[in-house]
Amino acid sequence: MKRPRLDAVIHAPNRLRICALLMPLEEAEFQVLRETIGISDSLLSKQIRQLEDAGYIEMRKAAVNGRPRTWISLTSRGRKAFAAHVAALQEIAALARG
């Protein structure tokens, strides 16, 4: 029996939430992710860094009204990895249904 492959980078709860929020969007602002997930700036930065190191997200920085802003988006690699991870979770969940 083939075992579903979970992605260790995505599997952590906060990184899973970040990917899930970004999946239907072109990009999201850092503040929106932070408020939606309900974690601190420093924890979100750490989670984003791990996803970025894996090549799953990209960041874009620009000034808005003189204030720095950061937008985050899933790369095509990140979208594929997230979709595969969700498929693996669904496979595992299907085992409970018999």
C-alpha atoms as a PDB file:
ATOM      1  CA  MET A   1       0.000   0.000   0.000  1.00  0.00           C
ATOM      2  CA  LYS A   2       1.383   3.382  -1.035  1.00  0.00           C
ATOM      3  CA  ARG A   3       1.628   5.838   1.844  1.00  0.00           C
ATOM      4  CA  PRO A   4       0.432   9.423   1.286  1.00  0.00           C
ATOM      5  CA  ARG A   5       3.326  11.895   1.239  1.00  0.00           C
ATOM      6  CA  LEU A   6       2.902  14.814   3.574  1.00  0.00           C
ATOM      7  CA  ASP A   7       5.126  17.852   3.036  1.00  0.00           C
ATOM      8  CA  ALA A   8       7.012  18.511   6.285  1.00  0.00           C
ATOM      9  CA  VAL A   9       7.463  22.195   5.445  1.00  0.00           C
ATOM     10  CA  ILE A  10       3.752  22.773   4.826  1.00  0.00           C
ATOM     11  CA  HIS A  11       2.450  20.409   7.519  1.00  0.00           C
ATOM     12  CA  ALA A  12       3.143  22.698  10.505  1.00  0.00           C
ATOM     13  CA  PRO A  13      -0.211  24.290  11.470  1.00  0.00           C
ATOM     14  CA  ASN A  14       0.702  27.945  10.876  1.00  0.00           C
ATOM     15  CA  ARG A  15       2.444  27.217   7.561  1.00  0.00           C
ATOM     16  CA  LEU A  16      -0.547  25.109   6.502  1.00  0.00           C
ATOM     17  CA  ARG A  17      -2.848  28.054   7.298  1.00  0.00           C
ATOM     18  CA  ILE A  18      -0.624  30.485   5.384  1.00  0.00           C
ATOM     19  CA  CYS A  19      -0.675  28.272   2.294  1.00  0.00           C
ATOM     20  CA  ALA A  20      -4.433  27.702   2.579  1.00  0.00           C
ATOM     21  CA  LEU A  21      -5.070  31.451   2.782  1.00  0.00           C
ATOM     22  CA  LEU A  22      -2.772  32.212  -0.151  1.00  0.00           C
ATOM     23  CA  MET A  23      -4.000  29.405  -2.429  1.00  0.00           C
ATOM     24  CA  PRO A  24      -7.073  31.208  -3.829  1.00  0.00           C
ATOM     25  CA  LEU A  25      -5.327  34.613  -3.913  1.00  0.00           C
ATOM     26  CA  GLU A  26      -2.796  36.224  -6.185  1.00  0.00           C
ATOM     27  CA  GLU A  27      -1.109  37.699  -3.090  1.00  0.00           C
ATOM     28  CA  ALA A  28      -1.881  38.884   0.438  1.00  0.00           C
ATOM     29  CA  GLU A  29      -0.418  41.624   2.562  1.00  0.00           C
ATOM     30  CA  PHE A  30       1.637  40.573   5.585  1.00  0.00           C
ATOM     31  CA  GLN A  31      -0.750  42.357   7.992  1.00  0.00           C
ATOM     32  CA  VAL A  32      -3.763  40.536   6.560  1.00  0.00           C
ATOM     33  CA  LEU A  33      -2.060  37.158   7.038  1.00  0.00           C
ATOM     34  CA  ARG A  34      -1.024  38.075  10.578  1.00  0.00           C
ATOM     35  CA  GLU A  35      -4.517  39.205  11.588  1.00  0.00           C
ATOM     36  CA  THR A  36      -6.292  36.299   9.884  1.00  0.00           C
ATOM     37  CA  ILE A  37      -4.032  33.643  11.393  1.00  0.00           C
ATOM     38  CA  GLY A  38      -3.786  35.450  14.732  1.00  0.00           C
ATOM     39  CA  ILE A  39      -0.040  35.206  15.346  1.00  0.00           C
ATOM     40  CA  SER A  40       2.686  37.734  16.121  1.00  0.00           C
ATOM     41  CA  ASP A  41       4.790  39.492  13.490  1.00  0.00           C
ATOM     42  CA  SER A  42       7.892  37.592  14.562  1.00  0.00           C
ATOM     43  CA  LEU A  43       6.211  34.169  14.400  1.00  0.00           C
ATOM     44  CA  LEU A  44       4.664  34.940  11.004  1.00  0.00           C
ATOM     45  CA  SER A  45       8.053  36.126   9.721  1.00  0.00           C
ATOM     46  CA  LYS A  46       9.657  32.862  10.867  1.00  0.00           C
ATOM     47  CA  GLN A  47       6.956  30.763   9.163  1.00  0.00           C
ATOM     48  CA  ILE A  48       7.206  32.803   5.960  1.00  0.00           C
ATOM     49  CA  ARG A  49      10.992  32.438   5.950  1.00  0.00           C
ATOM     50  CA  GLN A  50      10.700  28.638   6.088  1.00  0.00           C
ATOM     51  CA  LEU A  51       8.204  28.618   3.220  1.00  0.00           C
ATOM     52  CA  GLU A  52      10.415  31.014   1.256  1.00  0.00           C
ATOM     53  CA  ASP A  53      13.514  28.858   1.865  1.00  0.00           C
ATOM     54  CA  ALA A  54      11.585  25.896   0.385  1.00  0.00           C
ATOM     55  CA  GLY A  55      10.715  27.980  -2.685  1.00  0.00           C
ATOM     56  CA  TYR A  56       6.998  27.907  -1.858  1.00  0.00           C
ATOM     57  CA  ILE A  57       6.379  31.639  -1.505  1.00  0.00           C
ATOM     58  CA  GLU A  58       7.681  34.940  -2.821  1.00  0.00           C
ATOM     59  CA  MET A  59       7.642  38.322  -1.132  1.00  0.00           C
ATOM     60  CA  ARG A  60       7.172  41.709  -2.738  1.00  0.00           C
ATOM     61  CA  LYS A  61       7.961  44.886  -0.826  1.00  0.00           C
ATOM     62  CA  ALA A  62       6.830  48.403  -1.682  1.00  0.00           C
ATOM     63  CA  ALA A  63       6.006  51.664   0.060  1.00  0.00           C
ATOM     64  CA  VAL A  64       2.374  52.702   0.395  1.00  0.00           C
ATOM     65  CA  ASN A  65       1.893  56.303   1.522  1.00  0.00           C
ATOM     66  CA  GLY A  66       5.531  56.317   2.606  1.00  0.00           C
ATOM     67  CA  ARG A  67       5.157  53.189   4.756  1.00  0.00           C
ATOM     68  CA  PRO A  68       6.811  49.896   3.881  1.00  0.00           C
ATOM     69  CA  ARG A  69       4.421  47.043   3.031  1.00  0.00           C
ATOM     70  CA  THR A  70       5.065  43.390   2.238  1.00  0.00           C
ATOM     71  CA  TRP A  71       2.932  41.159   0.052  1.00  0.00           C
ATOM     72  CA  ILE A  72       3.274  37.386   0.001  1.00  0.00           C
ATOM     73  CA  SER A  73       2.272  35.003  -2.782  1.00  0.00           C
ATOM     74  CA  LEU A  74       2.534  31.287  -3.436  1.00  0.00           C
ATOM     75  CA  THR A  75       4.907  30.289  -6.214  1.00  0.00           C
ATOM     76  CA  SER A  76       3.822  27.674  -8.755  1.00  0.00           C
ATOM     77  CA  ARG A  77       6.027  25.226  -6.849  1.00  0.00           C
ATOM     78  CA  GLY A  78       4.241  26.202  -3.622  1.00  0.00           C
ATOM     79  CA  ARG A  79       0.816  25.751  -5.208  1.00  0.00           C
ATOM     80  CA  LYS A  80       1.753  22.266  -6.446  1.00  0.00           C
ATOM     81  CA  ALA A  81       3.230  21.308  -3.068  1.00  0.00           C
ATOM     82  CA  PHE A  82       0.151  22.545  -1.201  1.00  0.00           C
ATOM     83  CA  ALA A  83      -2.221  20.715  -3.559  1.00  0.00           C
ATOM     84  CA  ALA A  84      -0.206  17.495  -3.125  1.00  0.00           C
ATOM     85  CA  HIS A  85      -0.203  17.935   0.661  1.00  0.00           C
ATOM     86  CA  VAL A  86      -3.982  18.435   0.734  1.00  0.00           C
ATOM     87  CA  ALA A  87      -4.431  15.352  -1.463  1.00  0.00           C
ATOM     88  CA  ALA A  88      -2.314  13.337   0.990  1.00  0.00           C
ATOM     89  CA  LEU A  89      -4.421  14.594   3.921  1.00  0.00           C
ATOM     90  CA  GLN A  90      -7.587  13.637   2.048  1.00  0.00           C
ATOM     91  CA  GLU A  91      -6.176  10.167   1.381  1.00  0.00           C
ATOM     92  CA  ILE A  92      -5.455   9.720   5.063  1.00  0.00           C
ATOM     93  CA  ALA A  93      -8.898  11.002   6.049  1.00  0.00           C
ATOM     94  CA  ALA A  94     -10.495   8.575   3.569  1.00  0.00           C
ATOM     95  CA  LEU A  95      -9.011   5.683   5.561  1.00  0.00           C
ATOM     96  CA  ALA A  96     -11.340   6.595   8.441  1.00  0.00           C
ATOM     97  CA  ARG A  97     -14.367   6.141   6.207  1.00  0.00           C
ATOM     98  CA  GLY A  98     -13.261   2.649   5.266  1.00  0.00           C
END
